[in-house]
């Protein structure tokens, strides 16, 4: 299929949903699958379902997206990421593993693509307990503060305070380390 603009894609989705979804899949399918696959790497069937859900959502929202002039690609990325995270949270609740088992995979400790990512990983790993556990659960496992507080027998407010202060401390350590380079 020839290159098609976002507005043409949206018009096609509204006019002929079957052909529009096929064109959307040709144009942005690999991007959607990649984003969803990163979140749901251990659940390929769920990743397929979420990808289909994103396509259906694009069809349903095509009329409102047409007049907004926003980037369809950006909308698809945000929608795919959010739907995948929502599905991941549902799946995670079914397999509620302790932190050590959940993080046992190499995904957290795998080499990062950039020096900045490696630096952030090292700074997080160097955090004292319970801050390290709080950060890992909140930003790597995407657990809400309320769940973290319950797991660690803390008040939710204390978890949020530690996250806030920890972010400020990490930001300063990151900037200091970058200045030294």
N, C-alpha and C. Protein backbone atom coordinates (compact mmCIF):
# COMPACT_ATOMS: atom_id res chain seq x y z
N UNK A 1 0.83 -1.17 0.00
CA UNK A 1 0.00 0.00 0.00
C UNK A 1 0.88 1.24 0.00
N UNK A 2 0.45 2.29 -0.69
CA UNK A 2 1.20 3.53 -0.75
C UNK A 2 1.18 4.22 0.60
N UNK A 3 2.08 5.18 0.73
CA UNK A 3 2.12 5.95 1.97
C UNK A 3 0.81 6.71 2.13
N UNK A 4 0.27 6.68 3.33
CA UNK A 4 -1.01 7.29 3.61
C UNK A 4 -0.85 8.21 4.82
N UNK A 5 -1.46 9.39 4.74
CA UNK A 5 -1.34 10.33 5.86
C UNK A 5 -2.25 9.90 7.00
N UNK A 6 -1.99 10.48 8.16
CA UNK A 6 -2.82 10.17 9.32
C UNK A 6 -4.27 10.57 9.08
N UNK A 7 -4.49 11.73 8.47
CA UNK A 7 -5.85 12.18 8.21
C UNK A 7 -6.56 11.26 7.22
N UNK A 8 -5.84 10.79 6.21
CA UNK A 8 -6.43 9.83 5.27
C UNK A 8 -6.76 8.51 5.96
N UNK A 9 -5.88 8.10 6.85
CA UNK A 9 -6.12 6.88 7.62
C UNK A 9 -7.37 7.00 8.48
N UNK A 10 -7.49 8.12 9.16
CA UNK A 10 -8.65 8.35 10.02
C UNK A 10 -9.94 8.40 9.20
N UNK A 11 -9.89 9.05 8.03
CA UNK A 11 -11.07 9.12 7.16
C UNK A 11 -11.44 7.72 6.67
N UNK A 12 -10.44 6.92 6.32
CA UNK A 12 -10.69 5.56 5.87
C UNK A 12 -11.28 4.70 6.98
N UNK A 13 -10.78 4.88 8.22
CA UNK A 13 -11.33 4.16 9.37
C UNK A 13 -12.82 4.49 9.56
N UNK A 14 -13.16 5.76 9.40
CA UNK A 14 -14.55 6.17 9.58
C UNK A 14 -15.43 5.68 8.43
N UNK A 15 -14.90 5.70 7.22
CA UNK A 15 -15.67 5.33 6.03
C UNK A 15 -15.80 3.81 5.88
N UNK A 16 -14.69 3.11 6.01
CA UNK A 16 -14.68 1.65 5.80
C UNK A 16 -13.79 1.02 6.88
N UNK A 17 -14.39 0.69 8.03
CA UNK A 17 -13.59 0.21 9.17
C UNK A 17 -12.68 -0.98 8.84
N UNK A 18 -13.16 -1.92 8.07
CA UNK A 18 -12.34 -3.11 7.78
C UNK A 18 -11.09 -2.72 6.99
N UNK A 19 -11.26 -1.93 5.96
CA UNK A 19 -10.11 -1.50 5.17
C UNK A 19 -9.24 -0.53 5.97
N UNK A 20 -9.88 0.31 6.78
CA UNK A 20 -9.14 1.26 7.59
C UNK A 20 -8.25 0.58 8.62
N UNK A 21 -8.78 -0.45 9.27
CA UNK A 21 -7.97 -1.18 10.26
C UNK A 21 -6.82 -1.90 9.57
N UNK A 22 -7.07 -2.44 8.37
CA UNK A 22 -6.00 -3.09 7.62
C UNK A 22 -4.90 -2.08 7.27
N UNK A 23 -5.31 -0.88 6.83
CA UNK A 23 -4.33 0.16 6.50
C UNK A 23 -3.59 0.63 7.75
N UNK A 24 -4.31 0.75 8.84
CA UNK A 24 -3.69 1.15 10.12
C UNK A 24 -2.66 0.10 10.55
N UNK A 25 -3.01 -1.15 10.39
CA UNK A 25 -2.09 -2.24 10.74
C UNK A 25 -0.85 -2.21 9.85
N UNK A 26 -1.04 -1.94 8.55
CA UNK A 26 0.11 -1.85 7.64
C UNK A 26 1.02 -0.69 8.01
N UNK A 27 0.42 0.42 8.38
CA UNK A 27 1.19 1.63 8.65
C UNK A 27 1.84 1.61 10.03
N UNK A 28 1.07 1.26 11.05
CA UNK A 28 1.56 1.37 12.43
C UNK A 28 1.55 0.05 13.19
N UNK A 29 1.24 -1.04 12.54
CA UNK A 29 1.14 -2.33 13.23
C UNK A 29 2.41 -2.74 13.95
N UNK A 30 3.56 -2.60 13.28
CA UNK A 30 4.80 -3.04 13.93
C UNK A 30 5.14 -2.16 15.13
N UNK A 31 4.84 -0.88 15.05
CA UNK A 31 5.07 0.01 16.18
C UNK A 31 4.19 -0.39 17.36
N UNK A 32 2.92 -0.63 17.10
CA UNK A 32 1.98 -1.02 18.17
C UNK A 32 2.41 -2.34 18.79
N UNK A 33 2.73 -3.32 17.95
CA UNK A 33 3.15 -4.63 18.46
C UNK A 33 4.43 -4.52 19.30
N UNK A 34 5.35 -3.67 18.88
CA UNK A 34 6.59 -3.49 19.62
C UNK A 34 6.34 -2.89 20.99
N UNK A 35 5.54 -1.82 21.03
CA UNK A 35 5.24 -1.18 22.31
C UNK A 35 4.52 -2.13 23.26
N UNK A 36 3.53 -2.82 22.75
CA UNK A 36 2.76 -3.76 23.58
C UNK A 36 3.64 -4.93 23.99
N UNK A 37 4.46 -5.40 23.07
CA UNK A 37 5.34 -6.53 23.35
C UNK A 37 6.37 -6.25 24.42
N UNK A 38 6.83 -5.01 24.51
CA UNK A 38 7.80 -4.66 25.55
C UNK A 38 7.21 -4.80 26.94
N UNK A 39 5.94 -4.46 27.07
CA UNK A 39 5.29 -4.54 28.37
C UNK A 39 4.83 -5.96 28.67
N UNK A 40 4.32 -6.64 27.65
CA UNK A 40 3.74 -7.98 27.83
C UNK A 40 4.62 -9.05 27.20
N UNK A 41 5.92 -8.95 27.39
CA UNK A 41 6.85 -9.87 26.72
C UNK A 41 6.65 -11.32 27.13
N UNK A 42 6.12 -11.55 28.32
CA UNK A 42 5.91 -12.91 28.80
C UNK A 42 4.49 -13.41 28.58
N UNK A 43 3.69 -12.62 27.87
CA UNK A 43 2.29 -12.98 27.63
C UNK A 43 1.91 -12.68 26.18
N UNK A 44 2.42 -13.48 25.24
CA UNK A 44 2.19 -13.17 23.82
C UNK A 44 0.72 -13.16 23.41
N UNK A 45 -0.08 -14.03 23.99
CA UNK A 45 -1.51 -14.03 23.63
C UNK A 45 -2.18 -12.75 24.11
N UNK A 46 -1.83 -12.31 25.28
CA UNK A 46 -2.37 -11.06 25.79
C UNK A 46 -1.88 -9.89 24.94
N UNK A 47 -0.63 -9.95 24.49
CA UNK A 47 -0.09 -8.89 23.64
C UNK A 47 -0.89 -8.79 22.33
N UNK A 48 -1.25 -9.93 21.76
CA UNK A 48 -2.07 -9.92 20.54
C UNK A 48 -3.43 -9.30 20.80
N UNK A 49 -4.04 -9.66 21.93
CA UNK A 49 -5.35 -9.10 22.27
C UNK A 49 -5.28 -7.60 22.48
N UNK A 50 -4.25 -7.14 23.17
CA UNK A 50 -4.11 -5.71 23.41
C UNK A 50 -3.87 -4.97 22.09
N UNK A 51 -3.08 -5.54 21.21
CA UNK A 51 -2.86 -4.93 19.90
C UNK A 51 -4.18 -4.78 19.16
N UNK A 52 -5.00 -5.81 19.18
CA UNK A 52 -6.32 -5.73 18.54
C UNK A 52 -7.18 -4.67 19.23
N UNK A 53 -7.10 -4.59 20.55
CA UNK A 53 -7.87 -3.58 21.28
C UNK A 53 -7.46 -2.16 20.90
N UNK A 54 -6.16 -1.96 20.66
CA UNK A 54 -5.68 -0.64 20.25
C UNK A 54 -6.26 -0.28 18.88
N UNK A 55 -6.28 -1.23 17.96
CA UNK A 55 -6.84 -0.98 16.63
C UNK A 55 -8.32 -0.63 16.71
N UNK A 56 -9.05 -1.36 17.54
CA UNK A 56 -10.48 -1.08 17.71
C UNK A 56 -10.68 0.30 18.34
N UNK A 57 -9.84 0.64 19.31
CA UNK A 57 -9.93 1.96 19.94
C UNK A 57 -9.68 3.07 18.92
N UNK A 58 -8.72 2.85 18.03
CA UNK A 58 -8.45 3.84 16.97
C UNK A 58 -9.68 4.01 16.08
N UNK A 59 -10.32 2.92 15.73
CA UNK A 59 -11.54 2.98 14.90
C UNK A 59 -12.64 3.76 15.64
N UNK A 60 -12.83 3.45 16.91
CA UNK A 60 -13.88 4.11 17.69
C UNK A 60 -13.61 5.60 17.88
N UNK A 61 -12.35 5.96 18.00
CA UNK A 61 -11.99 7.36 18.26
C UNK A 61 -11.65 8.13 16.99
N UNK A 62 -11.72 7.50 15.84
CA UNK A 62 -11.36 8.15 14.58
C UNK A 62 -12.10 9.47 14.36
N UNK A 63 -13.43 9.53 14.57
CA UNK A 63 -14.12 10.80 14.32
C UNK A 63 -13.58 11.96 15.19
N UNK A 64 -13.33 11.72 16.45
CA UNK A 64 -12.84 12.80 17.31
C UNK A 64 -11.38 13.13 17.04
N UNK A 65 -10.58 12.13 16.62
CA UNK A 65 -9.17 12.38 16.29
C UNK A 65 -9.02 13.16 14.99
N UNK A 66 -9.98 13.02 14.09
CA UNK A 66 -9.90 13.67 12.79
C UNK A 66 -9.86 15.19 12.94
N UNK A 67 -10.71 15.73 13.77
CA UNK A 67 -10.79 17.17 13.91
C UNK A 67 -9.76 17.79 14.83
N UNK A 68 -9.04 17.00 15.58
CA UNK A 68 -8.12 17.54 16.58
C UNK A 68 -6.77 17.96 16.00
N UNK A 69 -6.39 17.38 14.89
CA UNK A 69 -5.10 17.71 14.30
C UNK A 69 -3.91 17.16 15.07
N UNK A 70 -4.17 16.27 16.02
CA UNK A 70 -3.09 15.64 16.77
C UNK A 70 -2.46 14.51 15.96
N UNK A 71 -1.30 14.13 16.35
CA UNK A 71 -0.59 13.04 15.68
C UNK A 71 -1.26 11.70 16.00
N UNK A 72 -1.66 10.99 14.98
CA UNK A 72 -2.25 9.66 15.17
C UNK A 72 -1.20 8.72 15.76
N UNK A 73 0.02 8.84 15.28
CA UNK A 73 1.10 7.98 15.77
C UNK A 73 1.29 8.15 17.28
N UNK A 74 1.30 9.40 17.73
CA UNK A 74 1.47 9.66 19.16
C UNK A 74 0.29 9.11 19.96
N UNK A 75 -0.92 9.29 19.44
CA UNK A 75 -2.11 8.78 20.13
C UNK A 75 -2.04 7.26 20.22
N UNK A 76 -1.62 6.60 19.14
CA UNK A 76 -1.51 5.15 19.13
C UNK A 76 -0.45 4.68 20.14
N UNK A 77 0.67 5.39 20.22
CA UNK A 77 1.74 5.01 21.16
C UNK A 77 1.25 5.09 22.60
N UNK A 78 0.62 6.19 22.93
CA UNK A 78 0.12 6.37 24.30
C UNK A 78 -0.95 5.33 24.62
N UNK A 79 -1.87 5.13 23.68
CA UNK A 79 -2.95 4.17 23.90
C UNK A 79 -2.41 2.75 24.04
N UNK A 80 -1.48 2.38 23.16
CA UNK A 80 -0.90 1.03 23.22
C UNK A 80 -0.17 0.81 24.54
N UNK A 81 0.63 1.79 24.94
CA UNK A 81 1.37 1.67 26.20
C UNK A 81 0.41 1.54 27.38
N UNK A 82 -0.59 2.41 27.44
CA UNK A 82 -1.52 2.40 28.57
C UNK A 82 -2.33 1.11 28.62
N UNK A 83 -2.82 0.64 27.48
CA UNK A 83 -3.59 -0.60 27.46
C UNK A 83 -2.72 -1.79 27.87
N UNK A 84 -1.47 -1.79 27.41
CA UNK A 84 -0.56 -2.89 27.76
C UNK A 84 -0.25 -2.88 29.25
N UNK A 85 -0.02 -1.70 29.81
CA UNK A 85 0.27 -1.61 31.25
C UNK A 85 -0.95 -2.05 32.05
N UNK A 86 -2.13 -1.65 31.62
CA UNK A 86 -3.35 -2.08 32.32
C UNK A 86 -3.48 -3.60 32.30
N UNK A 87 -3.22 -4.22 31.16
CA UNK A 87 -3.30 -5.68 31.07
C UNK A 87 -2.22 -6.32 31.93
N UNK A 88 -1.02 -5.74 31.91
CA UNK A 88 0.08 -6.27 32.71
C UNK A 88 -0.28 -6.24 34.19
N UNK A 89 -0.91 -5.16 34.63
CA UNK A 89 -1.31 -5.06 36.04
C UNK A 89 -2.31 -6.15 36.40
N UNK A 90 -3.25 -6.42 35.50
CA UNK A 90 -4.23 -7.48 35.75
C UNK A 90 -3.52 -8.83 35.85
N UNK A 91 -2.61 -9.09 34.94
CA UNK A 91 -1.87 -10.35 34.95
C UNK A 91 -0.99 -10.45 36.19
N UNK A 92 -0.38 -9.36 36.58
CA UNK A 92 0.50 -9.35 37.75
C UNK A 92 -0.27 -9.69 39.02
N UNK A 93 -1.49 -9.20 39.11
CA UNK A 93 -2.29 -9.49 40.30
C UNK A 93 -2.57 -10.99 40.42
N UNK A 94 -2.64 -11.66 39.28
CA UNK A 94 -2.87 -13.10 39.30
C UNK A 94 -1.62 -13.84 39.77
N UNK A 95 -0.46 -13.31 39.42
CA UNK A 95 0.82 -13.93 39.79
C UNK A 95 1.55 -13.03 40.75
N UNK A 96 1.06 -12.83 41.91
CA UNK A 96 1.66 -11.92 42.87
C UNK A 96 2.88 -12.58 43.50
N UNK A 97 4.03 -12.37 42.88
CA UNK A 97 5.27 -12.97 43.35
C UNK A 97 6.00 -12.01 44.28
N UNK A 98 6.82 -12.53 45.17
CA UNK A 98 7.65 -11.64 45.98
C UNK A 98 8.60 -10.85 45.09
N UNK A 99 9.10 -9.74 45.60
CA UNK A 99 9.96 -8.86 44.83
C UNK A 99 11.16 -9.60 44.24
N UNK A 100 11.83 -10.41 45.01
CA UNK A 100 13.03 -11.08 44.52
C UNK A 100 12.72 -11.98 43.33
N UNK A 101 11.61 -12.71 43.37
CA UNK A 101 11.26 -13.58 42.25
C UNK A 101 10.81 -12.78 41.04
N UNK A 102 10.09 -11.69 41.26
CA UNK A 102 9.62 -10.87 40.16
C UNK A 102 10.78 -10.23 39.43
N UNK A 103 11.80 -9.81 40.18
CA UNK A 103 12.94 -9.15 39.57
C UNK A 103 14.06 -10.13 39.19
N UNK A 104 13.80 -11.42 39.33
CA UNK A 104 14.83 -12.40 39.06
C UNK A 104 15.23 -12.41 37.59
N UNK A 105 14.32 -12.00 36.72
CA UNK A 105 14.64 -11.96 35.30
C UNK A 105 15.74 -10.96 35.03
N UNK A 106 16.36 -11.07 33.91
CA UNK A 106 17.48 -10.21 33.57
C UNK A 106 17.04 -8.85 33.05
N UNK A 107 15.73 -8.61 32.94
CA UNK A 107 15.28 -7.37 32.33
C UNK A 107 15.74 -6.13 33.09
N UNK A 108 15.82 -6.18 34.40
CA UNK A 108 16.26 -5.01 35.16
C UNK A 108 17.77 -4.84 35.10
N UNK A 109 18.48 -5.94 35.18
CA UNK A 109 19.93 -5.87 35.23
C UNK A 109 20.59 -5.91 33.85
N UNK A 110 19.78 -6.04 32.81
CA UNK A 110 20.32 -6.10 31.45
C UNK A 110 21.03 -4.79 31.11
N UNK A 111 22.07 -4.86 30.29
CA UNK A 111 22.76 -3.63 29.91
C UNK A 111 21.80 -2.67 29.21
N UNK A 112 21.93 -1.41 29.50
CA UNK A 112 21.07 -0.39 28.92
C UNK A 112 21.73 0.16 27.66
N UNK A 113 20.93 0.78 26.84
CA UNK A 113 21.42 1.31 25.58
C UNK A 113 22.23 2.59 25.76
N UNK A 114 21.91 3.37 26.78
CA UNK A 114 22.61 4.64 26.94
C UNK A 114 23.33 4.70 28.27
N UNK A 115 24.32 5.58 28.32
CA UNK A 115 25.05 5.80 29.57
C UNK A 115 24.14 6.35 30.64
N UNK A 116 23.19 7.21 30.24
CA UNK A 116 22.27 7.80 31.21
C UNK A 116 21.42 6.72 31.88
N UNK A 117 20.93 5.77 31.10
CA UNK A 117 20.12 4.67 31.67
C UNK A 117 20.96 3.82 32.61
N UNK A 118 22.20 3.56 32.24
CA UNK A 118 23.08 2.78 33.11
C UNK A 118 23.35 3.53 34.41
N UNK A 119 23.52 4.85 34.32
CA UNK A 119 23.76 5.65 35.51
C UNK A 119 22.55 5.64 36.43
N UNK A 120 21.35 5.80 35.86
CA UNK A 120 20.13 5.76 36.67
C UNK A 120 20.00 4.40 37.35
N UNK A 121 20.27 3.33 36.61
CA UNK A 121 20.20 1.99 37.20
C UNK A 121 21.16 1.86 38.37
N UNK A 122 22.39 2.34 38.21
CA UNK A 122 23.38 2.25 39.28
C UNK A 122 22.97 3.09 40.49
N UNK A 123 22.41 4.27 40.24
CA UNK A 123 21.97 5.13 41.34
C UNK A 123 20.82 4.49 42.12
N UNK A 124 19.89 3.88 41.40
CA UNK A 124 18.77 3.21 42.07
C UNK A 124 19.27 2.01 42.87
N UNK A 125 20.19 1.24 42.29
CA UNK A 125 20.73 0.08 42.99
C UNK A 125 21.48 0.48 44.25
N UNK A 126 22.04 1.69 44.28
CA UNK A 126 22.81 2.14 45.43
C UNK A 126 21.94 2.75 46.53
N UNK A 127 20.66 2.91 46.28
CA UNK A 127 19.77 3.48 47.30
C UNK A 127 19.73 2.58 48.54
N UNK A 128 19.63 3.18 49.72
CA UNK A 128 19.49 2.37 50.93
C UNK A 128 18.08 1.79 51.01
N UNK A 129 17.93 0.73 51.76
CA UNK A 129 16.60 0.16 52.00
C UNK A 129 15.87 1.02 53.01
N UNK A 130 14.60 1.17 52.96
CA UNK A 130 13.65 0.57 52.04
C UNK A 130 13.46 1.37 50.76
N UNK A 131 14.23 2.48 50.58
CA UNK A 131 14.06 3.32 49.39
C UNK A 131 14.26 2.54 48.10
N UNK A 132 15.27 1.67 48.08
CA UNK A 132 15.53 0.89 46.87
C UNK A 132 14.31 0.04 46.51
N UNK A 133 13.77 -0.66 47.49
CA UNK A 133 12.60 -1.50 47.25
C UNK A 133 11.41 -0.67 46.80
N UNK A 134 11.23 0.48 47.44
CA UNK A 134 10.12 1.35 47.06
C UNK A 134 10.27 1.81 45.62
N UNK A 135 11.46 2.24 45.24
CA UNK A 135 11.69 2.69 43.86
C UNK A 135 11.48 1.56 42.87
N UNK A 136 12.02 0.39 43.15
CA UNK A 136 11.87 -0.73 42.23
C UNK A 136 10.40 -1.11 42.06
N UNK A 137 9.69 -1.17 43.17
CA UNK A 137 8.27 -1.53 43.08
C UNK A 137 7.46 -0.47 42.37
N UNK A 138 7.76 0.80 42.60
CA UNK A 138 6.96 1.87 42.00
C UNK A 138 7.30 2.08 40.53
N UNK A 139 8.57 2.16 40.18
CA UNK A 139 8.96 2.57 38.84
C UNK A 139 9.33 1.42 37.90
N UNK A 140 9.66 0.27 38.44
CA UNK A 140 9.95 -0.88 37.59
C UNK A 140 8.78 -1.84 37.53
N UNK A 141 8.13 -2.04 38.67
CA UNK A 141 6.99 -2.96 38.70
C UNK A 141 5.65 -2.23 38.59
N UNK A 142 5.69 -0.90 38.60
CA UNK A 142 4.51 -0.05 38.43
C UNK A 142 3.43 -0.29 39.48
N UNK A 143 3.85 -0.59 40.68
CA UNK A 143 2.90 -0.80 41.77
C UNK A 143 2.46 0.55 42.32
N UNK A 144 1.20 0.69 42.67
CA UNK A 144 0.76 1.93 43.31
C UNK A 144 1.35 2.06 44.72
N UNK A 145 1.45 3.29 45.17
CA UNK A 145 2.02 3.57 46.49
C UNK A 145 1.27 2.84 47.59
N UNK A 146 -0.03 2.74 47.44
CA UNK A 146 -0.85 2.08 48.46
C UNK A 146 -0.44 0.61 48.64
N UNK A 147 -0.21 -0.08 47.52
CA UNK A 147 0.22 -1.49 47.60
C UNK A 147 1.62 -1.61 48.21
N UNK A 148 2.50 -0.70 47.82
CA UNK A 148 3.86 -0.73 48.36
C UNK A 148 3.82 -0.53 49.87
N UNK A 149 3.03 0.43 50.29
CA UNK A 149 2.91 0.71 51.73
C UNK A 149 2.40 -0.52 52.47
N UNK A 150 1.42 -1.18 51.92
CA UNK A 150 0.86 -2.38 52.57
C UNK A 150 1.92 -3.48 52.66
N UNK A 151 2.69 -3.67 51.60
CA UNK A 151 3.72 -4.72 51.59
C UNK A 151 4.83 -4.45 52.61
N UNK A 152 5.15 -3.16 52.77
CA UNK A 152 6.28 -2.80 53.63
C UNK A 152 5.85 -2.35 55.02
N UNK A 153 4.56 -2.52 55.33
CA UNK A 153 4.02 -2.09 56.62
C UNK A 153 4.35 -0.64 56.92
N UNK A 154 4.10 0.20 55.92
CA UNK A 154 4.34 1.63 56.06
C UNK A 154 3.05 2.37 55.75
N UNK A 155 3.03 3.62 56.05
CA UNK A 155 1.90 4.45 55.65
C UNK A 155 2.13 4.90 54.21
N UNK A 156 1.04 5.04 53.46
CA UNK A 156 1.15 5.47 52.06
C UNK A 156 1.85 6.82 51.96
N UNK A 157 1.55 7.71 52.90
CA UNK A 157 2.18 9.03 52.90
C UNK A 157 3.69 8.92 53.06
N UNK A 158 4.15 7.99 53.87
CA UNK A 158 5.59 7.79 54.06
C UNK A 158 6.25 7.29 52.77
N UNK A 159 5.56 6.40 52.06
CA UNK A 159 6.07 5.90 50.78
C UNK A 159 6.18 7.05 49.79
N UNK A 160 5.14 7.86 49.70
CA UNK A 160 5.15 8.99 48.76
C UNK A 160 6.23 10.01 49.11
N UNK A 161 6.45 10.22 50.40
CA UNK A 161 7.50 11.14 50.83
C UNK A 161 8.86 10.60 50.44
N UNK A 162 9.08 9.30 50.67
CA UNK A 162 10.37 8.69 50.30
C UNK A 162 10.59 8.76 48.79
N UNK A 163 9.52 8.55 48.01
CA UNK A 163 9.63 8.65 46.55
C UNK A 163 9.99 10.08 46.13
N UNK A 164 9.33 11.05 46.72
CA UNK A 164 9.59 12.44 46.37
C UNK A 164 11.02 12.85 46.72
N UNK A 165 11.43 12.56 47.93
CA UNK A 165 12.79 12.90 48.36
C UNK A 165 13.83 12.11 47.58
N UNK A 166 13.52 10.85 47.32
CA UNK A 166 14.44 10.01 46.55
C UNK A 166 14.62 10.51 45.12
N UNK A 167 13.53 10.95 44.49
CA UNK A 167 13.65 11.50 43.13
C UNK A 167 14.54 12.73 43.13
N UNK A 168 14.33 13.61 44.11
CA UNK A 168 15.16 14.82 44.19
C UNK A 168 16.63 14.45 44.40
N UNK A 169 16.89 13.49 45.29
CA UNK A 169 18.27 13.06 45.56
C UNK A 169 18.88 12.41 44.31
N UNK A 170 18.11 11.54 43.63
CA UNK A 170 18.62 10.89 42.41
C UNK A 170 18.88 11.92 41.31
N UNK A 171 17.99 12.89 41.18
CA UNK A 171 18.17 13.92 40.16
C UNK A 171 19.49 14.66 40.40
N UNK A 172 19.74 15.04 41.66
CA UNK A 172 20.97 15.76 41.98
C UNK A 172 22.20 14.88 41.76
N UNK A 173 22.14 13.62 42.18
CA UNK A 173 23.26 12.71 41.97
C UNK A 173 23.50 12.50 40.48
N UNK A 174 22.43 12.40 39.71
CA UNK A 174 22.56 12.23 38.26
C UNK A 174 23.25 13.44 37.64
N UNK A 175 22.78 14.64 38.01
CA UNK A 175 23.39 15.87 37.46
C UNK A 175 24.86 15.99 37.87
N UNK A 176 25.17 15.65 39.11
CA UNK A 176 26.55 15.72 39.59
C UNK A 176 27.44 14.74 38.82
N UNK A 177 26.94 13.54 38.60
CA UNK A 177 27.71 12.52 37.88
C UNK A 177 27.93 12.94 36.43
N UNK A 178 26.91 13.56 35.83
CA UNK A 178 27.04 14.01 34.43
C UNK A 178 28.05 15.15 34.30
N UNK A 179 28.14 16.01 35.33
CA UNK A 179 29.10 17.12 35.30
C UNK A 179 30.53 16.59 35.34
N UNK A 180 30.73 15.49 36.06
CA UNK A 180 32.06 14.92 36.22
C UNK A 180 32.57 14.27 34.94
N UNK A 181 31.66 13.92 34.05
CA UNK A 181 32.07 13.22 32.82
C UNK A 181 32.77 14.12 31.85
